mmCIF file of all heavy atoms, coordinates in Angstrom:
data_MODEL
# 
_entry.id   MODEL 
# 
loop_
_atom_site.group_PDB 
_atom_site.id 
_atom_site.type_symbol 
_atom_site.label_atom_id 
_atom_site.label_alt_id 
_atom_site.label_comp_id 
_atom_site.label_asym_id 
_atom_site.label_entity_id 
_atom_site.label_seq_id 
_atom_site.pdbx_PDB_ins_code 
_atom_site.Cartn_x 
_atom_site.Cartn_y 
_atom_site.Cartn_z 
_atom_site.occupancy 
_atom_site.B_iso_or_equiv 
_atom_site.pdbx_formal_charge 
_atom_site.auth_seq_id 
_atom_site.auth_comp_id 
_atom_site.auth_asym_id 
_atom_site.auth_atom_id 
_atom_site.pdbx_PDB_model_num 
ATOM 1   N N   . ILE A 1 1  ? 0.833  -1.208 0.000   1.00 0.00 ? 1  ILE A N   1 
ATOM 2   C CA  . ILE A 1 1  ? 0.000  0.000  0.000   1.00 0.00 ? 1  ILE A CA  1 
ATOM 3   C C   . ILE A 1 1  ? 0.863  1.251  0.000   1.00 0.00 ? 1  ILE A C   1 
ATOM 4   O O   . ILE A 1 1  ? 0.552  2.234  -0.687  1.00 0.00 ? 1  ILE A O   1 
ATOM 5   C CB  . ILE A 1 1  ? -0.961 -0.027 1.204   1.00 0.00 ? 1  ILE A CB  1 
ATOM 6   C CG1 . ILE A 1 1  ? -1.973 -1.170 1.029   1.00 0.00 ? 1  ILE A CG1 1 
ATOM 7   C CG2 . ILE A 1 1  ? -1.684 1.307  1.354   1.00 0.00 ? 1  ILE A CG2 1 
ATOM 8   C CD1 . ILE A 1 1  ? -2.837 -1.426 2.245   1.00 0.00 ? 1  ILE A CD1 1 
ATOM 9   N N   . GLN A 1 2  ? 1.948  1.237  0.748   1.00 0.00 ? 2  GLN A N   1 
ATOM 10  C CA  . GLN A 1 2  ? 2.879  2.372  0.726   1.00 0.00 ? 2  GLN A CA  1 
ATOM 11  C C   . GLN A 1 2  ? 3.374  2.627  -0.691  1.00 0.00 ? 2  GLN A C   1 
ATOM 12  O O   . GLN A 1 2  ? 3.417  3.778  -1.163  1.00 0.00 ? 2  GLN A O   1 
ATOM 13  C CB  . GLN A 1 2  ? 4.066  2.083  1.649   1.00 0.00 ? 2  GLN A CB  1 
ATOM 14  C CG  . GLN A 1 2  ? 5.117  3.187  1.654   1.00 0.00 ? 2  GLN A CG  1 
ATOM 15  C CD  . GLN A 1 2  ? 6.410  2.739  2.326   1.00 0.00 ? 2  GLN A CD  1 
ATOM 16  O OE1 . GLN A 1 2  ? 6.902  1.629  2.088   1.00 0.00 ? 2  GLN A OE1 1 
ATOM 17  N NE2 . GLN A 1 2  ? 6.947  3.603  3.180   1.00 0.00 ? 2  GLN A NE2 1 
ATOM 18  N N   . ALA A 1 3  ? 3.725  1.568  -1.394  1.00 0.00 ? 3  ALA A N   1 
ATOM 19  C CA  . ALA A 1 3  ? 4.220  1.710  -2.769  1.00 0.00 ? 3  ALA A CA  1 
ATOM 20  C C   . ALA A 1 3  ? 3.131  2.207  -3.708  1.00 0.00 ? 3  ALA A C   1 
ATOM 21  O O   . ALA A 1 3  ? 3.395  3.016  -4.617  1.00 0.00 ? 3  ALA A O   1 
ATOM 22  C CB  . ALA A 1 3  ? 4.775  0.376  -3.256  1.00 0.00 ? 3  ALA A CB  1 
ATOM 23  N N   . TYR A 1 4  ? 1.909  1.739  -3.500  1.00 0.00 ? 4  TYR A N   1 
ATOM 24  C CA  . TYR A 1 4  ? 0.786  2.206  -4.314  1.00 0.00 ? 4  TYR A CA  1 
ATOM 25  C C   . TYR A 1 4  ? 0.570  3.704  -4.114  1.00 0.00 ? 4  TYR A C   1 
ATOM 26  O O   . TYR A 1 4  ? 0.431  4.464  -5.086  1.00 0.00 ? 4  TYR A O   1 
ATOM 27  C CB  . TYR A 1 4  ? -0.465 1.420  -3.931  1.00 0.00 ? 4  TYR A CB  1 
ATOM 28  C CG  . TYR A 1 4  ? -1.720 1.827  -4.671  1.00 0.00 ? 4  TYR A CG  1 
ATOM 29  C CD1 . TYR A 1 4  ? -1.883 1.545  -6.019  1.00 0.00 ? 4  TYR A CD1 1 
ATOM 30  C CD2 . TYR A 1 4  ? -2.755 2.480  -4.000  1.00 0.00 ? 4  TYR A CD2 1 
ATOM 31  C CE1 . TYR A 1 4  ? -3.040 1.913  -6.690  1.00 0.00 ? 4  TYR A CE1 1 
ATOM 32  C CE2 . TYR A 1 4  ? -3.920 2.847  -4.664  1.00 0.00 ? 4  TYR A CE2 1 
ATOM 33  C CZ  . TYR A 1 4  ? -4.058 2.563  -6.007  1.00 0.00 ? 4  TYR A CZ  1 
ATOM 34  O OH  . TYR A 1 4  ? -5.209 2.927  -6.678  1.00 0.00 ? 4  TYR A OH  1 
ATOM 35  N N   . TYR A 1 5  ? 0.566  4.146  -2.865  1.00 0.00 ? 5  TYR A N   1 
ATOM 36  C CA  . TYR A 1 5  ? 0.423  5.572  -2.586  1.00 0.00 ? 5  TYR A CA  1 
ATOM 37  C C   . TYR A 1 5  ? 1.570  6.375  -3.210  1.00 0.00 ? 5  TYR A C   1 
ATOM 38  O O   . TYR A 1 5  ? 1.364  7.465  -3.761  1.00 0.00 ? 5  TYR A O   1 
ATOM 39  C CB  . TYR A 1 5  ? 0.396  5.829  -1.078  1.00 0.00 ? 5  TYR A CB  1 
ATOM 40  C CG  . TYR A 1 5  ? -0.819 5.327  -0.343  1.00 0.00 ? 5  TYR A CG  1 
ATOM 41  C CD1 . TYR A 1 5  ? -0.836 5.282  1.041   1.00 0.00 ? 5  TYR A CD1 1 
ATOM 42  C CD2 . TYR A 1 5  ? -1.962 4.913  -1.028  1.00 0.00 ? 5  TYR A CD2 1 
ATOM 43  C CE1 . TYR A 1 5  ? -1.957 4.827  1.737   1.00 0.00 ? 5  TYR A CE1 1 
ATOM 44  C CE2 . TYR A 1 5  ? -3.080 4.460  -0.337  1.00 0.00 ? 5  TYR A CE2 1 
ATOM 45  C CZ  . TYR A 1 5  ? -3.071 4.420  1.041   1.00 0.00 ? 5  TYR A CZ  1 
ATOM 46  O OH  . TYR A 1 5  ? -4.173 3.974  1.728   1.00 0.00 ? 5  TYR A OH  1 
ATOM 47  N N   . ALA A 1 6  ? 2.786  5.856  -3.105  1.00 0.00 ? 6  ALA A N   1 
ATOM 48  C CA  . ALA A 1 6  ? 3.954  6.552  -3.658  1.00 0.00 ? 6  ALA A CA  1 
ATOM 49  C C   . ALA A 1 6  ? 3.832  6.707  -5.168  1.00 0.00 ? 6  ALA A C   1 
ATOM 50  O O   . ALA A 1 6  ? 4.161  7.762  -5.732  1.00 0.00 ? 6  ALA A O   1 
ATOM 51  C CB  . ALA A 1 6  ? 5.228  5.800  -3.296  1.00 0.00 ? 6  ALA A CB  1 
ATOM 52  N N   . SER A 1 7  ? 3.345  5.664  -5.847  1.00 0.00 ? 7  SER A N   1 
ATOM 53  C CA  . SER A 1 7  ? 3.220  5.748  -7.303  1.00 0.00 ? 7  SER A CA  1 
ATOM 54  C C   . SER A 1 7  ? 2.133  6.723  -7.713  1.00 0.00 ? 7  SER A C   1 
ATOM 55  O O   . SER A 1 7  ? 2.241  7.391  -8.749  1.00 0.00 ? 7  SER A O   1 
ATOM 56  C CB  . SER A 1 7  ? 2.965  4.356  -7.894  1.00 0.00 ? 7  SER A CB  1 
ATOM 57  O OG  . SER A 1 7  ? 1.728  3.833  -7.477  1.00 0.00 ? 7  SER A OG  1 
ATOM 58  N N   . ILE A 1 8  ? 1.069  6.843  -6.898  1.00 0.00 ? 8  ILE A N   1 
ATOM 59  C CA  . ILE A 1 8  ? 0.051  7.860  -7.166  1.00 0.00 ? 8  ILE A CA  1 
ATOM 60  C C   . ILE A 1 8  ? 0.662  9.260  -7.044  1.00 0.00 ? 8  ILE A C   1 
ATOM 61  O O   . ILE A 1 8  ? 0.399  10.143 -7.862  1.00 0.00 ? 8  ILE A O   1 
ATOM 62  C CB  . ILE A 1 8  ? -1.131 7.707  -6.192  1.00 0.00 ? 8  ILE A CB  1 
ATOM 63  C CG1 . ILE A 1 8  ? -1.922 6.442  -6.518  1.00 0.00 ? 8  ILE A CG1 1 
ATOM 64  C CG2 . ILE A 1 8  ? -2.043 8.930  -6.257  1.00 0.00 ? 8  ILE A CG2 1 
ATOM 65  C CD1 . ILE A 1 8  ? -3.045 6.166  -5.538  1.00 0.00 ? 8  ILE A CD1 1 
ATOM 66  N N   . SER A 1 9  ? 1.475  9.456  -6.012  1.00 0.00 ? 9  SER A N   1 
ATOM 67  C CA  . SER A 1 9  ? 2.077  10.777 -5.808  1.00 0.00 ? 9  SER A CA  1 
ATOM 68  C C   . SER A 1 9  ? 3.049  11.138 -6.918  1.00 0.00 ? 9  SER A C   1 
ATOM 69  O O   . SER A 1 9  ? 3.167  12.300 -7.300  1.00 0.00 ? 9  SER A O   1 
ATOM 70  C CB  . SER A 1 9  ? 2.773  10.828 -4.447  1.00 0.00 ? 9  SER A CB  1 
ATOM 71  O OG  . SER A 1 9  ? 1.815  10.775 -3.409  1.00 0.00 ? 9  SER A OG  1 
ATOM 72  N N   . LEU A 1 10 ? 3.759  10.136 -7.448  1.00 0.00 ? 10 LEU A N   1 
ATOM 73  C CA  . LEU A 1 10 ? 4.611  10.379 -8.617  1.00 0.00 ? 10 LEU A CA  1 
ATOM 74  C C   . LEU A 1 10 ? 3.769  10.889 -9.776  1.00 0.00 ? 10 LEU A C   1 
ATOM 75  O O   . LEU A 1 10 ? 4.103  11.901 -10.410 1.00 0.00 ? 10 LEU A O   1 
ATOM 76  C CB  . LEU A 1 10 ? 5.330  9.087  -9.010  1.00 0.00 ? 10 LEU A CB  1 
ATOM 77  C CG  . LEU A 1 10 ? 5.989  9.099  -10.399 1.00 0.00 ? 10 LEU A CG  1 
ATOM 78  C CD1 . LEU A 1 10 ? 7.104  10.122 -10.488 1.00 0.00 ? 10 LEU A CD1 1 
ATOM 79  C CD2 . LEU A 1 10 ? 6.489  7.700  -10.768 1.00 0.00 ? 10 LEU A CD2 1 
ATOM 80  N N   . MET A 1 11 ? 2.670  10.185 -10.065 1.00 0.00 ? 11 MET A N   1 
ATOM 81  C CA  . MET A 1 11 ? 1.799  10.598 -11.160 1.00 0.00 ? 11 MET A CA  1 
ATOM 82  C C   . MET A 1 11 ? 1.220  11.982 -10.908 1.00 0.00 ? 11 MET A C   1 
ATOM 83  O O   . MET A 1 11 ? 1.168  12.832 -11.802 1.00 0.00 ? 11 MET A O   1 
ATOM 84  C CB  . MET A 1 11 ? 0.682  9.560  -11.335 1.00 0.00 ? 11 MET A CB  1 
ATOM 85  C CG  . MET A 1 11 ? -0.331 9.874  -12.430 1.00 0.00 ? 11 MET A CG  1 
ATOM 86  S SD  . MET A 1 11 ? -1.669 10.959 -11.897 1.00 0.00 ? 11 MET A SD  1 
ATOM 87  C CE  . MET A 1 11 ? -2.461 9.905  -10.680 1.00 0.00 ? 11 MET A CE  1 
ATOM 88  N N   . ASP A 1 12 ? 0.793  12.221 -9.666  1.00 0.00 ? 12 ASP A N   1 
ATOM 89  C CA  . ASP A 1 12 ? 0.181  13.501 -9.321  1.00 0.00 ? 12 ASP A CA  1 
ATOM 90  C C   . ASP A 1 12 ? 1.164  14.659 -9.518  1.00 0.00 ? 12 ASP A C   1 
ATOM 91  O O   . ASP A 1 12 ? 0.790  15.735 -10.000 1.00 0.00 ? 12 ASP A O   1 
ATOM 92  C CB  . ASP A 1 12 ? -0.287 13.447 -7.866  1.00 0.00 ? 12 ASP A CB  1 
ATOM 93  C CG  . ASP A 1 12 ? -1.106 14.663 -7.474  1.00 0.00 ? 12 ASP A CG  1 
ATOM 94  O OD1 . ASP A 1 12 ? -2.102 14.940 -8.153  1.00 0.00 ? 12 ASP A OD1 1 
ATOM 95  O OD2 . ASP A 1 12 ? -0.732 15.335 -6.505  1.00 0.00 ? 12 ASP A OD2 1 
ATOM 96  N N   . GLU A 1 13 ? 2.416  14.425 -9.168  1.00 0.00 ? 13 GLU A N   1 
ATOM 97  C CA  . GLU A 1 13 ? 3.440  15.457 -9.365  1.00 0.00 ? 13 GLU A CA  1 
ATOM 98  C C   . GLU A 1 13 ? 3.589  15.796 -10.851 1.00 0.00 ? 13 GLU A C   1 
ATOM 99  O O   . GLU A 1 13 ? 3.708  16.969 -11.229 1.00 0.00 ? 13 GLU A O   1 
ATOM 100 C CB  . GLU A 1 13 ? 4.773  14.971 -8.804  1.00 0.00 ? 13 GLU A CB  1 
ATOM 101 C CG  . GLU A 1 13 ? 5.917  15.963 -8.982  1.00 0.00 ? 13 GLU A CG  1 
ATOM 102 C CD  . GLU A 1 13 ? 7.252  15.369 -8.559  1.00 0.00 ? 13 GLU A CD  1 
ATOM 103 O OE1 . GLU A 1 13 ? 7.662  14.336 -9.152  1.00 0.00 ? 13 GLU A OE1 1 
ATOM 104 O OE2 . GLU A 1 13 ? 7.880  15.920 -7.650  1.00 0.00 ? 13 GLU A OE2 1 
ATOM 105 N N   . GLN A 1 14 ? 3.547  14.773 -11.696 1.00 0.00 ? 14 GLN A N   1 
ATOM 106 C CA  . GLN A 1 14 ? 3.701  15.016 -13.131 1.00 0.00 ? 14 GLN A CA  1 
ATOM 107 C C   . GLN A 1 14 ? 2.483  15.736 -13.711 1.00 0.00 ? 14 GLN A C   1 
ATOM 108 O O   . GLN A 1 14 ? 2.606  16.604 -14.573 1.00 0.00 ? 14 GLN A O   1 
ATOM 109 C CB  . GLN A 1 14 ? 3.938  13.681 -13.856 1.00 0.00 ? 14 GLN A CB  1 
ATOM 110 C CG  . GLN A 1 14 ? 5.121  12.885 -13.324 1.00 0.00 ? 14 GLN A CG  1 
ATOM 111 C CD  . GLN A 1 14 ? 6.316  13.759 -13.011 1.00 0.00 ? 14 GLN A CD  1 
ATOM 112 O OE1 . GLN A 1 14 ? 6.814  14.494 -13.871 1.00 0.00 ? 14 GLN A OE1 1 
ATOM 113 N NE2 . GLN A 1 14 ? 6.788  13.699 -11.771 1.00 0.00 ? 14 GLN A NE2 1 
ATOM 114 N N   . LEU A 1 15 ? 1.309  15.378 -13.212 1.00 0.00 ? 15 LEU A N   1 
ATOM 115 C CA  . LEU A 1 15 ? 0.104  16.104 -13.628 1.00 0.00 ? 15 LEU A CA  1 
ATOM 116 C C   . LEU A 1 15 ? 0.226  17.572 -13.264 1.00 0.00 ? 15 LEU A C   1 
ATOM 117 O O   . LEU A 1 15 ? -0.129 18.461 -14.057 1.00 0.00 ? 15 LEU A O   1 
ATOM 118 C CB  . LEU A 1 15 ? -1.121 15.483 -12.958 1.00 0.00 ? 15 LEU A CB  1 
ATOM 119 C CG  . LEU A 1 15 ? -2.450 16.186 -13.201 1.00 0.00 ? 15 LEU A CG  1 
ATOM 120 C CD1 . LEU A 1 15 ? -2.814 16.178 -14.674 1.00 0.00 ? 15 LEU A CD1 1 
ATOM 121 C CD2 . LEU A 1 15 ? -3.552 15.537 -12.366 1.00 0.00 ? 15 LEU A CD2 1 
ATOM 122 N N   . GLY A 1 16 ? 0.744  17.847 -12.076 1.00 0.00 ? 16 GLY A N   1 
ATOM 123 C CA  . GLY A 1 16 ? 0.936  19.236 -11.660 1.00 0.00 ? 16 GLY A CA  1 
ATOM 124 C C   . GLY A 1 16 ? 1.872  19.992 -12.578 1.00 0.00 ? 16 GLY A C   1 
ATOM 125 O O   . GLY A 1 16 ? 1.646  21.183 -12.873 1.00 0.00 ? 16 GLY A O   1 
ATOM 126 N N   . ARG A 1 17 ? 2.922  19.328 -13.038 1.00 0.00 ? 17 ARG A N   1 
ATOM 127 C CA  . ARG A 1 17 ? 3.847  19.981 -13.975 1.00 0.00 ? 17 ARG A CA  1 
ATOM 128 C C   . ARG A 1 17 ? 3.122  20.395 -15.253 1.00 0.00 ? 17 ARG A C   1 
ATOM 129 O O   . ARG A 1 17 ? 3.338  21.499 -15.781 1.00 0.00 ? 17 ARG A O   1 
ATOM 130 C CB  . ARG A 1 17 ? 4.993  19.039 -14.338 1.00 0.00 ? 17 ARG A CB  1 
ATOM 131 C CG  . ARG A 1 17 ? 5.962  18.708 -13.212 1.00 0.00 ? 17 ARG A CG  1 
ATOM 132 C CD  . ARG A 1 17 ? 7.019  17.715 -13.684 1.00 0.00 ? 17 ARG A CD  1 
ATOM 133 N NE  . ARG A 1 17 ? 7.769  18.243 -14.826 1.00 0.00 ? 17 ARG A NE  1 
ATOM 134 C CZ  . ARG A 1 17 ? 8.280  17.493 -15.804 1.00 0.00 ? 17 ARG A CZ  1 
ATOM 135 N NH1 . ARG A 1 17 ? 8.097  16.171 -15.798 1.00 0.00 ? 17 ARG A NH1 1 
ATOM 136 N NH2 . ARG A 1 17 ? 8.950  18.058 -16.784 1.00 0.00 ? 17 ARG A NH2 1 
ATOM 137 N N   . VAL A 1 18 ? 2.243  19.519 -15.744 1.00 0.00 ? 18 VAL A N   1 
ATOM 138 C CA  . VAL A 1 18 ? 1.529  19.813 -16.997 1.00 0.00 ? 18 VAL A CA  1 
ATOM 139 C C   . VAL A 1 18 ? 0.541  20.962 -16.792 1.00 0.00 ? 18 VAL A C   1 
ATOM 140 O O   . VAL A 1 18 ? 0.433  21.862 -17.634 1.00 0.00 ? 18 VAL A O   1 
ATOM 141 C CB  . VAL A 1 18 ? 0.811  18.549 -17.505 1.00 0.00 ? 18 VAL A CB  1 
ATOM 142 C CG1 . VAL A 1 18 ? -0.005 18.868 -18.761 1.00 0.00 ? 18 VAL A CG1 1 
ATOM 143 C CG2 . VAL A 1 18 ? 1.819  17.440 -17.798 1.00 0.00 ? 18 VAL A CG2 1 
ATOM 144 N N   . ILE A 1 19 ? -0.192 20.942 -15.669 1.00 0.00 ? 19 ILE A N   1 
ATOM 145 C CA  . ILE A 1 19 ? -1.149 22.015 -15.396 1.00 0.00 ? 19 ILE A CA  1 
ATOM 146 C C   . ILE A 1 19 ? -0.415 23.352 -15.245 1.00 0.00 ? 19 ILE A C   1 
ATOM 147 O O   . ILE A 1 19 ? -0.877 24.391 -15.741 1.00 0.00 ? 19 ILE A O   1 
ATOM 148 C CB  . ILE A 1 19 ? -1.971 21.707 -14.136 1.00 0.00 ? 19 ILE A CB  1 
ATOM 149 C CG1 . ILE A 1 19 ? -2.771 20.400 -14.325 1.00 0.00 ? 19 ILE A CG1 1 
ATOM 150 C CG2 . ILE A 1 19 ? -2.912 22.861 -13.815 1.00 0.00 ? 19 ILE A CG2 1 
ATOM 151 C CD1 . ILE A 1 19 ? -3.714 20.419 -15.489 1.00 0.00 ? 19 ILE A CD1 1 
ATOM 152 N N   . ASP A 1 20 ? 0.724  23.328 -14.565 1.00 0.00 ? 20 ASP A N   1 
ATOM 153 C CA  . ASP A 1 20 ? 1.513  24.563 -14.439 1.00 0.00 ? 20 ASP A CA  1 
ATOM 154 C C   . ASP A 1 20 ? 1.910  25.095 -15.808 1.00 0.00 ? 20 ASP A C   1 
ATOM 155 O O   . ASP A 1 20 ? 1.846  26.308 -16.067 1.00 0.00 ? 20 ASP A O   1 
ATOM 156 C CB  . ASP A 1 20 ? 2.776  24.302 -13.602 1.00 0.00 ? 20 ASP A CB  1 
ATOM 157 C CG  . ASP A 1 20 ? 2.474  24.139 -12.119 1.00 0.00 ? 20 ASP A CG  1 
ATOM 158 O OD1 . ASP A 1 20 ? 1.345  24.465 -11.704 1.00 0.00 ? 20 ASP A OD1 1 
ATOM 159 O OD2 . ASP A 1 20 ? 3.366  23.678 -11.388 1.00 0.00 ? 20 ASP A OD2 1 
ATOM 160 N N   . ALA A 1 21 ? 2.336  24.188 -16.698 1.00 0.00 ? 21 ALA A N   1 
ATOM 161 C CA  . ALA A 1 21 ? 2.747  24.610 -18.040 1.00 0.00 ? 21 ALA A CA  1 
ATOM 162 C C   . ALA A 1 21 ? 1.570  25.181 -18.821 1.00 0.00 ? 21 ALA A C   1 
ATOM 163 O O   . ALA A 1 21 ? 1.716  26.158 -19.568 1.00 0.00 ? 21 ALA A O   1 
ATOM 164 C CB  . ALA A 1 21 ? 3.356  23.425 -18.790 1.00 0.00 ? 21 ALA A CB  1 
ATOM 165 N N   . LEU A 1 22 ? 0.395  24.584 -18.649 1.00 0.00 ? 22 LEU A N   1 
ATOM 166 C CA  . LEU A 1 22 ? -0.798 25.082 -19.332 1.00 0.00 ? 22 LEU A CA  1 
ATOM 167 C C   . LEU A 1 22 ? -1.074 26.529 -18.929 1.00 0.00 ? 22 LEU A C   1 
ATOM 168 O O   . LEU A 1 22 ? -1.419 27.370 -19.771 1.00 0.00 ? 22 LEU A O   1 
ATOM 169 C CB  . LEU A 1 22 ? -1.989 24.183 -18.973 1.00 0.00 ? 22 LEU A CB  1 
ATOM 170 C CG  . LEU A 1 22 ? -3.242 24.300 -19.833 1.00 0.00 ? 22 LEU A CG  1 
ATOM 171 C CD1 . LEU A 1 22 ? -3.025 23.650 -21.191 1.00 0.00 ? 22 LEU A CD1 1 
ATOM 172 C CD2 . LEU A 1 22 ? -4.421 23.634 -19.117 1.00 0.00 ? 22 LEU A CD2 1 
ATOM 173 N N   . GLU A 1 23 ? -0.895 26.810 -17.639 1.00 0.00 ? 23 GLU A N   1 
ATOM 174 C CA  . GLU A 1 23 ? -1.131 28.168 -17.157 1.00 0.00 ? 23 GLU A CA  1 
ATOM 175 C C   . GLU A 1 23 ? -0.027 29.117 -17.611 1.00 0.00 ? 23 GLU A C   1 
ATOM 176 O O   . GLU A 1 23 ? -0.296 30.258 -18.009 1.00 0.00 ? 23 GLU A O   1 
ATOM 177 C CB  . GLU A 1 23 ? -1.244 28.146 -15.633 1.00 0.00 ? 23 GLU A CB  1 
ATOM 178 C CG  . GLU A 1 23 ? -2.475 27.377 -15.138 1.00 0.00 ? 23 GLU A CG  1 
ATOM 179 C CD  . GLU A 1 23 ? -2.512 27.221 -13.633 1.00 0.00 ? 23 GLU A CD  1 
ATOM 180 O OE1 . GLU A 1 23 ? -1.475 27.471 -12.987 1.00 0.00 ? 23 GLU A OE1 1 
ATOM 181 O OE2 . GLU A 1 23 ? -3.574 26.834 -13.107 1.00 0.00 ? 23 GLU A OE2 1 
ATOM 182 N N   . GLU A 1 24 ? 1.213  28.646 -17.569 1.00 0.00 ? 24 GLU A N   1 
ATOM 183 C CA  . GLU A 1 24 ? 2.335  29.492 -17.968 1.00 0.00 ? 24 GLU A CA  1 
ATOM 184 C C   . GLU A 1 24 ? 2.259  29.890 -19.435 1.00 0.00 ? 24 GLU A C   1 
ATOM 185 O O   . GLU A 1 24 ? 2.714  30.968 -19.820 1.00 0.00 ? 24 GLU A O   1 
ATOM 186 C CB  . GLU A 1 24 ? 3.649  28.761 -17.696 1.00 0.00 ? 24 GLU A CB  1 
ATOM 187 C CG  . GLU A 1 24 ? 3.960  28.594 -16.199 1.00 0.00 ? 24 GLU A CG  1 
ATOM 188 C CD  . GLU A 1 24 ? 5.074  27.591 -15.952 1.00 0.00 ? 24 GLU A CD  1 
ATOM 189 O OE1 . GLU A 1 24 ? 5.630  27.069 -16.948 1.00 0.00 ? 24 GLU A OE1 1 
ATOM 190 O OE2 . GLU A 1 24 ? 5.390  27.324 -14.782 1.00 0.00 ? 24 GLU A OE2 1 
# 
């Protein structure tokens, strides 16, 4: 479960990068 949560956070971080770029 720890690893599952960690992999979600990895994906979430990358989504944030894309949303930031969309705004920039």
